[in-house]
Amino acid sequence: MNKGELIDAIAEKSQASKKDADAVLTATIEAIMEAVASGEKVTLVGFGTFEPRQRAAREGRNPQTGKAIKIPATTVPAFSAGKQFKDKVAE
């Protein structure tokens, strides 16, 4: 499912127009990205948690040459599925 299909599904389930569904979905995604980018954890009970995680510096390998390279520490976004989401997928 891509964003357009998700908008169609939201519009159908909420009996809203596609334009309204698109605006709500876009605003939701932007709000989650801004919160996680600022270091906050976003928890949607039953669905899951979005949070920033620290990735330590490490040594990697260039796949073409095999030469060792240093990969710097960074912060990455992470998602952990909630219990209801996990149970629904497991059905």
PDB file of N, CA and C in Angstrom:
ATOM      1  N   MET A   1       0.854  -1.177   0.000  1.00  0.00           N
ATOM      2  CA  MET A   1       0.000   0.000   0.000  1.00  0.00           C
ATOM      3  C   MET A   1       0.895   1.234   0.000  1.00  0.00           C
ATOM      4  N   ASN A   2       0.610   2.153  -0.907  1.00  0.00           N
ATOM      5  CA  ASN A   2       1.362   3.405  -0.934  1.00  0.00           C
ATOM      6  C   ASN A   2       0.522   4.519  -0.309  1.00  0.00           C
ATOM      7  N   LYS A   3       1.048   5.737  -0.302  1.00  0.00           N
ATOM      8  CA  LYS A   3       0.357   6.842   0.374  1.00  0.00           C
ATOM      9  C   LYS A   3      -1.009   7.120  -0.254  1.00  0.00           C
ATOM     10  N   GLY A   4      -1.102   7.071  -1.566  1.00  0.00           N
ATOM     11  CA  GLY A   4      -2.373   7.316  -2.241  1.00  0.00           C
ATOM     12  C   GLY A   4      -3.429   6.292  -1.859  1.00  0.00           C
ATOM     13  N   GLU A   5      -3.029   5.031  -1.791  1.00  0.00           N
ATOM     14  CA  GLU A   5      -3.962   3.976  -1.395  1.00  0.00           C
ATOM     15  C   GLU A   5      -4.369   4.123   0.066  1.00  0.00           C
ATOM     16  N   LEU A   6      -3.435   4.547   0.910  1.00  0.00           N
ATOM     17  CA  LEU A   6      -3.753   4.785   2.316  1.00  0.00           C
ATOM     18  C   LEU A   6      -4.745   5.936   2.453  1.00  0.00           C
ATOM     19  N   ILE A   7      -4.561   6.986   1.681  1.00  0.00           N
ATOM     20  CA  ILE A   7      -5.497   8.115   1.700  1.00  0.00           C
ATOM     21  C   ILE A   7      -6.886   7.650   1.277  1.00  0.00           C
ATOM     22  N   ASP A   8      -6.959   6.825   0.235  1.00  0.00           N
ATOM     23  CA  ASP A   8      -8.252   6.289  -0.211  1.00  0.00           C
ATOM     24  C   ASP A   8      -8.921   5.492   0.906  1.00  0.00           C
ATOM     25  N   ALA A   9      -8.147   4.649   1.610  1.00  0.00           N
ATOM     26  CA  ALA A   9      -8.694   3.824   2.689  1.00  0.00           C
ATOM     27  C   ALA A   9      -9.177   4.698   3.852  1.00  0.00           C
ATOM     28  N   ILE A  10      -8.405   5.718   4.202  1.00  0.00           N
ATOM     29  CA  ILE A  10      -8.801   6.619   5.289  1.00  0.00           C
ATOM     30  C   ILE A  10     -10.081   7.363   4.913  1.00  0.00           C
ATOM     31  N   ALA A  11     -10.163   7.853   3.684  1.00  0.00           N
ATOM     32  CA  ALA A  11     -11.346   8.583   3.224  1.00  0.00           C
ATOM     33  C   ALA A  11     -12.581   7.687   3.268  1.00  0.00           C
ATOM     34  N   GLU A  12     -12.413   6.435   2.873  1.00  0.00           N
ATOM     35  CA  GLU A  12     -13.544   5.503   2.868  1.00  0.00           C
ATOM     36  C   GLU A  12     -14.000   5.159   4.287  1.00  0.00           C
ATOM     37  N   LYS A  13     -13.051   4.862   5.168  1.00  0.00           N
ATOM     38  CA  LYS A  13     -13.407   4.479   6.541  1.00  0.00           C
ATOM     39  C   LYS A  13     -13.971   5.640   7.349  1.00  0.00           C
ATOM     40  N   SER A  14     -13.489   6.853   7.091  1.00  0.00           N
ATOM     41  CA  SER A  14     -13.945   8.003   7.878  1.00  0.00           C
ATOM     42  C   SER A  14     -15.055   8.793   7.180  1.00  0.00           C
ATOM     43  N   GLN A  15     -15.410   8.376   5.986  1.00  0.00           N
ATOM     44  CA  GLN A  15     -16.428   9.056   5.179  1.00  0.00           C
ATOM     45  C   GLN A  15     -16.077  10.532   4.992  1.00  0.00           C
ATOM     46  N   ALA A  16     -14.794  10.787   4.796  1.00  0.00           N
ATOM     47  CA  ALA A  16     -14.305  12.142   4.533  1.00  0.00           C
ATOM     48  C   ALA A  16     -13.868  12.212   3.073  1.00  0.00           C
ATOM     49  N   SER A  17     -13.640  13.421   2.580  1.00  0.00           N
ATOM     50  CA  SER A  17     -13.157  13.557   1.209  1.00  0.00           C
ATOM     51  C   SER A  17     -11.687  13.145   1.155  1.00  0.00           C
ATOM     52  N   LYS A  18     -11.232  12.792  -0.040  1.00  0.00           N
ATOM     53  CA  LYS A  18      -9.824  12.420  -0.207  1.00  0.00           C
ATOM     54  C   LYS A  18      -8.916  13.603   0.121  1.00  0.00           C
ATOM     55  N   LYS A  19      -9.373  14.795  -0.195  1.00  0.00           N
ATOM     56  CA  LYS A  19      -8.579  15.999   0.092  1.00  0.00           C
ATOM     57  C   LYS A  19      -8.392  16.164   1.598  1.00  0.00           C
ATOM     58  N   ASP A  20      -9.473  15.972   2.361  1.00  0.00           N
ATOM     59  CA  ASP A  20      -9.381  16.080   3.822  1.00  0.00           C
ATOM     60  C   ASP A  20      -8.506  14.968   4.400  1.00  0.00           C
ATOM     61  N   ALA A  21      -8.678  13.745   3.889  1.00  0.00           N
ATOM     62  CA  ALA A  21      -7.883  12.611   4.364  1.00  0.00           C
ATOM     63  C   ALA A  21      -6.402  12.843   4.085  1.00  0.00           C
ATOM     64  N   ASP A  22      -6.094  13.384   2.905  1.00  0.00           N
ATOM     65  CA  ASP A  22      -4.704  13.683   2.549  1.00  0.00           C
ATOM     66  C   ASP A  22      -4.129  14.730   3.491  1.00  0.00           C
ATOM     67  N   ALA A  23      -4.896  15.774   3.780  1.00  0.00           N
ATOM     68  CA  ALA A  23      -4.421  16.833   4.670  1.00  0.00           C
ATOM     69  C   ALA A  23      -4.149  16.300   6.074  1.00  0.00           C
ATOM     70  N   VAL A  24      -5.040  15.455   6.585  1.00  0.00           N
ATOM     71  CA  VAL A  24      -4.867  14.893   7.930  1.00  0.00           C
ATOM     72  C   VAL A  24      -3.664  13.958   7.975  1.00  0.00           C
ATOM     73  N   LEU A  25      -3.537  13.078   6.983  1.00  0.00           N
ATOM     74  CA  LEU A  25      -2.403  12.140   6.954  1.00  0.00           C
ATOM     75  C   LEU A  25      -1.082  12.887   6.844  1.00  0.00           C
ATOM     76  N   THR A  26      -1.023  13.865   5.957  1.00  0.00           N
ATOM     77  CA  THR A  26       0.210  14.642   5.787  1.00  0.00           C
ATOM     78  C   THR A  26       0.580  15.378   7.068  1.00  0.00           C
ATOM     79  N   ALA A  27      -0.406  15.988   7.721  1.00  0.00           N
ATOM     80  CA  ALA A  27      -0.142  16.698   8.978  1.00  0.00           C
ATOM     81  C   ALA A  27       0.323  15.737  10.066  1.00  0.00           C
ATOM     82  N   THR A  28      -0.268  14.550  10.120  1.00  0.00           N
ATOM     83  CA  THR A  28       0.123  13.548  11.116  1.00  0.00           C
ATOM     84  C   THR A  28       1.568  13.113  10.910  1.00  0.00           C
ATOM     85  N   ILE A  29       1.908  12.800   9.673  1.00  0.00           N
ATOM     86  CA  ILE A  29       3.275  12.358   9.362  1.00  0.00           C
ATOM     87  C   ILE A  29       4.283  13.466   9.689  1.00  0.00           C
ATOM     88  N   GLU A  30       3.969  14.690   9.312  1.00  0.00           N
ATOM     89  CA  GLU A  30       4.875  15.815   9.596  1.00  0.00           C
ATOM     90  C   GLU A  30       5.059  16.022  11.093  1.00  0.00           C
ATOM     91  N   ALA A  31       3.966  15.921  11.852  1.00  0.00           N
ATOM     92  CA  ALA A  31       4.051  16.107  13.306  1.00  0.00           C
ATOM     93  C   ALA A  31       4.916  15.015  13.944  1.00  0.00           C
ATOM     94  N   ILE A  32       4.770  13.773  13.488  1.00  0.00           N
ATOM     95  CA  ILE A  32       5.584  12.673  14.023  1.00  0.00           C
ATOM     96  C   ILE A  32       7.049  12.897  13.676  1.00  0.00           C
ATOM     97  N   MET A  33       7.331  13.262  12.423  1.00  0.00           N
ATOM     98  CA  MET A  33       8.727  13.480  12.012  1.00  0.00           C
ATOM     99  C   MET A  33       9.365  14.621  12.785  1.00  0.00           C
ATOM    100  N   GLU A  34       8.636  15.722  12.994  1.00  0.00           N
ATOM    101  CA  GLU A  34       9.182  16.863  13.734  1.00  0.00           C
ATOM    102  C   GLU A  34       9.467  16.488  15.190  1.00  0.00           C
ATOM    103  N   ALA A  35       8.552  15.731  15.804  1.00  0.00           N
ATOM    104  CA  ALA A  35       8.743  15.335  17.204  1.00  0.00           C
ATOM    105  C   ALA A  35       9.949  14.419  17.350  1.00  0.00           C
ATOM    106  N   VAL A  36      10.066  13.419  16.493  1.00  0.00           N
ATOM    107  CA  VAL A  36      11.194  12.477  16.581  1.00  0.00           C
ATOM    108  C   VAL A  36      12.502  13.189  16.257  1.00  0.00           C
ATOM    109  N   ALA A  37      12.482  14.092  15.282  1.00  0.00           N
ATOM    110  CA  ALA A  37      13.690  14.844  14.929  1.00  0.00           C
ATOM    111  C   ALA A  37      14.165  15.722  16.080  1.00  0.00           C
ATOM    112  N   SER A  38      13.238  16.176  16.915  1.00  0.00           N
ATOM    113  CA  SER A  38      13.634  17.008  18.058  1.00  0.00           C
ATOM    114  C   SER A  38      13.977  16.167  19.291  1.00  0.00           C
ATOM    115  N   GLY A  39      13.979  14.853  19.149  1.00  0.00           N
ATOM    116  CA  GLY A  39      14.397  13.977  20.244  1.00  0.00           C
ATOM    117  C   GLY A  39      13.270  13.411  21.082  1.00  0.00           C
ATOM    118  N   GLU A  40      12.029  13.674  20.712  1.00  0.00           N
ATOM    119  CA  GLU A  40      10.885  13.175  21.479  1.00  0.00           C
ATOM    120  C   GLU A  40      10.473  11.774  21.031  1.00  0.00           C
ATOM    121  N   LYS A  41       9.791  11.081  21.922  1.00  0.00           N
ATOM    122  CA  LYS A  41       9.214   9.777  21.627  1.00  0.00           C
ATOM    123  C   LYS A  41       7.728   9.992  21.363  1.00  0.00           C
ATOM    124  N   VAL A  42       7.197   9.392  20.283  1.00  0.00           N
ATOM    125  CA  VAL A  42       5.774   9.502  19.948  1.00  0.00           C
ATOM    126  C   VAL A  42       5.155   8.119  20.115  1.00  0.00           C
ATOM    127  N   THR A  43       4.202   8.004  21.058  1.00  0.00           N
ATOM    128  CA  THR A  43       3.559   6.726  21.333  1.00  0.00           C
ATOM    129  C   THR A  43       2.101   6.781  20.922  1.00  0.00           C
ATOM    130  N   LEU A  44       1.700   5.871  20.059  1.00  0.00           N
ATOM    131  CA  LEU A  44       0.312   5.697  19.652  1.00  0.00           C
ATOM    132  C   LEU A  44      -0.124   4.358  20.231  1.00  0.00           C
ATOM    133  N   VAL A  45      -0.855   4.406  21.341  1.00  0.00           N
ATOM    134  CA  VAL A  45      -1.211   3.199  22.081  1.00  0.00           C
ATOM    135  C   VAL A  45      -1.906   2.204  21.151  1.00  0.00           C
ATOM    136  N   GLY A  46      -1.413   0.970  21.173  1.00  0.00           N
ATOM    137  CA  GLY A  46      -1.957  -0.094  20.341  1.00  0.00           C
ATOM    138  C   GLY A  46      -1.284  -0.187  18.983  1.00  0.00           C
ATOM    139  N   PHE A  47      -0.772   0.935  18.470  1.00  0.00           N
ATOM    140  CA  PHE A  47      -0.126   0.939  17.163  1.00  0.00           C
ATOM    141  C   PHE A  47       1.380   0.777  17.295  1.00  0.00           C
ATOM    142  N   GLY A  48       2.014   1.672  18.058  1.00  0.00           N
ATOM    143  CA  GLY A  48       3.456   1.565  18.222  1.00  0.00           C
ATOM    144  C   GLY A  48       4.082   2.857  18.684  1.00  0.00           C
ATOM    145  N   THR A  49       5.419   2.840  18.720  1.00  0.00           N
ATOM    146  CA  THR A  49       6.196   3.975  19.205  1.00  0.00           C
ATOM    147  C   THR A  49       7.263   4.350  18.186  1.00  0.00           C
ATOM    148  N   PHE A  50       7.326   5.630  17.899  1.00  0.00           N
ATOM    149  CA  PHE A  50       8.383   6.186  17.056  1.00  0.00           C
ATOM    150  C   PHE A  50       9.347   6.900  17.983  1.00  0.00           C
ATOM    151  N   GLU A  51      10.654   6.667  17.808  1.00  0.00           N
ATOM    152  CA  GLU A  51      11.632   7.317  18.670  1.00  0.00           C
ATOM    153  C   GLU A  51      12.973   7.439  17.973  1.00  0.00           C
ATOM    154  N   PRO A  52      13.775   8.421  18.402  1.00  0.00           N
ATOM    155  CA  PRO A  52      15.142   8.509  17.875  1.00  0.00           C
ATOM    156  C   PRO A  52      16.049   7.555  18.649  1.00  0.00           C
ATOM    157  N   ARG A  53      16.935   6.891  17.946  1.00  0.00           N
ATOM    158  CA  ARG A  53      17.895   6.000  18.603  1.00  0.00           C
ATOM    159  C   ARG A  53      19.300   6.378  18.181  1.00  0.00           C
ATOM    160  N   GLN A  54      20.215   6.266  19.132  1.00  0.00           N
ATOM    161  CA  GLN A  54      21.616   6.569  18.873  1.00  0.00           C
ATOM    162  C   GLN A  54      22.291   5.330  18.287  1.00  0.00           C
ATOM    163  N   ARG A  55      23.015   5.516  17.216  1.00  0.00           N
ATOM    164  CA  ARG A  55      23.799   4.435  16.622  1.00  0.00           C
ATOM    165  C   ARG A  55      25.267   4.789  16.845  1.00  0.00           C
ATOM    166  N   ALA A  56      25.988   3.921  17.507  1.00  0.00           N
ATOM    167  CA  ALA A  56      27.386   4.182  17.855  1.00  0.00           C
ATOM    168  C   ALA A  56      28.274   4.155  16.611  1.00  0.00           C
ATOM    169  N   ALA A  57      29.428   4.811  16.732  1.00  0.00           N
ATOM    170  CA  ALA A  57      30.421   4.761  15.664  1.00  0.00           C
ATOM    171  C   ALA A  57      30.919   3.326  15.548  1.00  0.00           C
ATOM    172  N   ARG A  58      31.209   2.913  14.330  1.00  0.00           N
ATOM    173  CA  ARG A  58      31.675   1.539  14.124  1.00  0.00           C
ATOM    174  C   ARG A  58      32.553   1.466  12.893  1.00  0.00           C
ATOM    175  N   GLU A  59      33.169   0.329  12.730  1.00  0.00           N
ATOM    176  CA  GLU A  59      34.026   0.116  11.576  1.00  0.00           C
ATOM    177  C   GLU A  59      33.272  -0.739  10.566  1.00  0.00           C
ATOM    178  N   GLY A  60      33.313  -0.315   9.316  1.00  0.00           N
ATOM    179  CA  GLY A  60      32.670  -1.070   8.247  1.00  0.00           C
ATOM    180  C   GLY A  60      33.682  -1.417   7.172  1.00  0.00           C
ATOM    181  N   ARG A  61      33.196  -2.001   6.095  1.00  0.00           N
ATOM    182  CA  ARG A  61      34.072  -2.379   4.981  1.00  0.00           C
ATOM    183  C   ARG A  61      33.495  -1.857   3.682  1.00  0.00           C
ATOM    184  N   ASN A  62      34.362  -1.325   2.832  1.00  0.00           N
ATOM    185  CA  ASN A  62      33.964  -0.938   1.489  1.00  0.00           C
ATOM    186  C   ASN A  62      33.761  -2.236   0.705  1.00  0.00           C
ATOM    187  N   PRO A  63      32.552  -2.509   0.200  1.00  0.00           N
ATOM    188  CA  PRO A  63      32.308  -3.784  -0.464  1.00  0.00           C
ATOM    189  C   PRO A  63      33.103  -3.976  -1.763  1.00  0.00           C
ATOM    190  N   GLN A  64      33.512  -2.884  -2.413  1.00  0.00           N
ATOM    191  CA  GLN A  64      34.273  -3.013  -3.650  1.00  0.00           C
ATOM    192  C   GLN A  64      35.737  -3.339  -3.407  1.00  0.00           C
ATOM    193  N   THR A  65      36.326  -2.693  -2.386  1.00  0.00           N
ATOM    194  CA  THR A  65      37.762  -2.873  -2.151  1.00  0.00           C
ATOM    195  C   THR A  65      38.071  -3.738  -0.938  1.00  0.00           C
ATOM    196  N   GLY A  66      37.108  -3.876  -0.028  1.00  0.00           N
ATOM    197  CA  GLY A  66      37.348  -4.623   1.201  1.00  0.00           C
ATOM    198  C   GLY A  66      38.087  -3.804   2.242  1.00  0.00           C
ATOM    199  N   LYS A  67      38.385  -2.550   1.927  1.00  0.00           N
ATOM    200  CA  LYS A  67      39.125  -1.678   2.828  1.00  0.00           C
ATOM    201  C   LYS A  67      38.244  -1.261   4.007  1.00  0.00           C
ATOM    202  N   ALA A  68      38.828  -1.232   5.208  1.00  0.00           N
ATOM    203  CA  ALA A  68      38.103  -0.822   6.411  1.00  0.00           C
ATOM    204  C   ALA A  68      37.839   0.674   6.371  1.00  0.00           C
ATOM    205  N   ILE A  69      36.621   1.069   6.755  1.00  0.00           N
ATOM    206  CA  ILE A  69      36.259   2.482   6.836  1.00  0.00           C
ATOM    207  C   ILE A  69      35.589   2.738   8.181  1.00  0.00           C
ATOM    208  N   LYS A  70      35.667   3.978   8.636  1.00  0.00           N
ATOM    209  CA  LYS A  70      35.021   4.337   9.897  1.00  0.00           C
ATOM    210  C   LYS A  70      33.653   4.941   9.591  1.00  0.00           C
ATOM    211  N   ILE A  71      32.625   4.416  10.242  1.00  0.00           N
ATOM    212  CA  ILE A  71      31.266   4.928  10.099  1.00  0.00           C
ATOM    213  C   ILE A  71      30.978   5.743  11.356  1.00  0.00           C
ATOM    214  N   PRO A  72      30.672   7.035  11.203  1.00  0.00           N
ATOM    215  CA  PRO A  72      30.481   7.889  12.383  1.00  0.00           C
ATOM    216  C   PRO A  72      29.185   7.573  13.140  1.00  0.00           C
ATOM    217  N   ALA A  73      29.126   7.996  14.388  1.00  0.00           N
ATOM    218  CA  ALA A  73      27.916   7.850  15.203  1.00  0.00           C
ATOM    219  C   ALA A  73      26.828   8.726  14.602  1.00  0.00           C
ATOM    220  N   THR A  74      25.585   8.293  14.750  1.00  0.00           N
ATOM    221  CA  THR A  74      24.466   9.043  14.202  1.00  0.00           C
ATOM    222  C   THR A  74      23.189   8.743  14.981  1.00  0.00           C
ATOM    223  N   THR A  75      22.174   9.536  14.740  1.00  0.00           N
ATOM    224  CA  THR A  75      20.861   9.300  15.327  1.00  0.00           C
ATOM    225  C   THR A  75      19.932   8.867  14.202  1.00  0.00           C
ATOM    226  N   VAL A  76      19.186   7.793  14.415  1.00  0.00           N
ATOM    227  CA  VAL A  76      18.284   7.272  13.394  1.00  0.00           C
ATOM    228  C   VAL A  76      16.873   7.136  13.955  1.00  0.00           C
ATOM    229  N   PRO A  77      15.848   7.245  13.099  1.00  0.00           N
ATOM    230  CA  PRO A  77      14.479   7.024  13.571  1.00  0.00           C
ATOM    231  C   PRO A  77      14.224   5.526  13.726  1.00  0.00           C
ATOM    232  N   ALA A  78      13.402   5.167  14.709  1.00  0.00           N
ATOM    233  CA  ALA A  78      13.077   3.761  14.946  1.00  0.00           C
ATOM    234  C   ALA A  78      11.596   3.630  15.255  1.00  0.00           C
ATOM    235  N   PHE A  79      11.026   2.485  14.906  1.00  0.00           N
ATOM    236  CA  PHE A  79       9.619   2.204  15.193  1.00  0.00           C
ATOM    237  C   PHE A  79       9.531   0.860  15.888  1.00  0.00           C
ATOM    238  N   SER A  80       8.769   0.813  16.974  1.00  0.00           N
ATOM    239  CA  SER A  80       8.487  -0.435  17.676  1.00  0.00           C
ATOM    240  C   SER A  80       6.985  -0.647  17.637  1.00  0.00           C
ATOM    241  N   ALA A  81       6.549  -1.765  17.097  1.00  0.00           N
ATOM    242  CA  ALA A  81       5.122  -2.042  16.980  1.00  0.00           C
ATOM    243  C   ALA A  81       4.513  -2.317  18.351  1.00  0.00           C
ATOM    244  N   GLY A  82       3.271  -1.869  18.540  1.00  0.00           N
ATOM    245  CA  GLY A  82       2.542  -2.101  19.775  1.00  0.00           C
ATOM    246  C   GLY A  82       1.910  -3.484  19.805  1.00  0.00           C
ATOM    247  N   LYS A  83       1.397  -3.875  20.954  1.00  0.00           N
ATOM    248  CA  LYS A  83       0.834  -5.216  21.136  1.00  0.00           C
ATOM    249  C   LYS A  83      -0.337  -5.479  20.194  1.00  0.00           C
ATOM    250  N   GLN A  84      -1.279  -4.540  20.080  1.00  0.00           N
ATOM    251  CA  GLN A  84      -2.433  -4.755  19.201  1.00  0.00           C
ATOM    252  C   GLN A  84      -1.999  -4.920  17.754  1.00  0.00           C
ATOM    253  N   PHE A  85      -1.020  -4.133  17.322  1.00  0.00           N
ATOM    254  CA  PHE A  85      -0.504  -4.219  15.961  1.00  0.00           C
ATOM    255  C   PHE A  85       0.145  -5.590  15.734  1.00  0.00           C
ATOM    256  N   LYS A  86       0.969  -6.018  16.666  1.00  0.00           N
ATOM    257  CA  LYS A  86       1.638  -7.310  16.552  1.00  0.00           C
ATOM    258  C   LYS A  86       0.613  -8.455  16.508  1.00  0.00           C
ATOM    259  N   ASP A  87      -0.405  -8.376  17.380  1.00  0.00           N
ATOM    260  CA  ASP A  87      -1.428  -9.411  17.411  1.00  0.00           C
ATOM    261  C   ASP A  87      -2.220  -9.464  16.103  1.00  0.00           C
ATOM    262  N   LYS A  88      -2.531  -8.308  15.543  1.00  0.00           N
ATOM    263  CA  LYS A  88      -3.289  -8.244  14.295  1.00  0.00           C
ATOM    264  C   LYS A  88      -2.495  -8.864  13.144  1.00  0.00           C
ATOM    265  N   VAL A  89      -1.205  -8.583  13.077  1.00  0.00           N
ATOM    266  CA  VAL A  89      -0.350  -9.132  12.027  1.00  0.00           C
ATOM    267  C   VAL A  89      -0.182 -10.642  12.197  1.00  0.00           C
ATOM    268  N   ALA A  90      -0.145 -11.104  13.435  1.00  0.00           N
ATOM    269  CA  ALA A  90       0.063 -12.528  13.718  1.00  0.00           C
ATOM    270  C   ALA A  90      -1.157 -13.399  13.404  1.00  0.00           C
ATOM    271  N   GLU A  91      -2.336 -12.780  13.252  1.00  0.00           N
ATOM    272  CA  GLU A  91      -3.558 -13.556  12.972  1.00  0.00           C
ATOM    273  C   GLU A  91      -3.479 -14.316  11.687  1.00  0.00           C
TER     274      GLU A  91
END
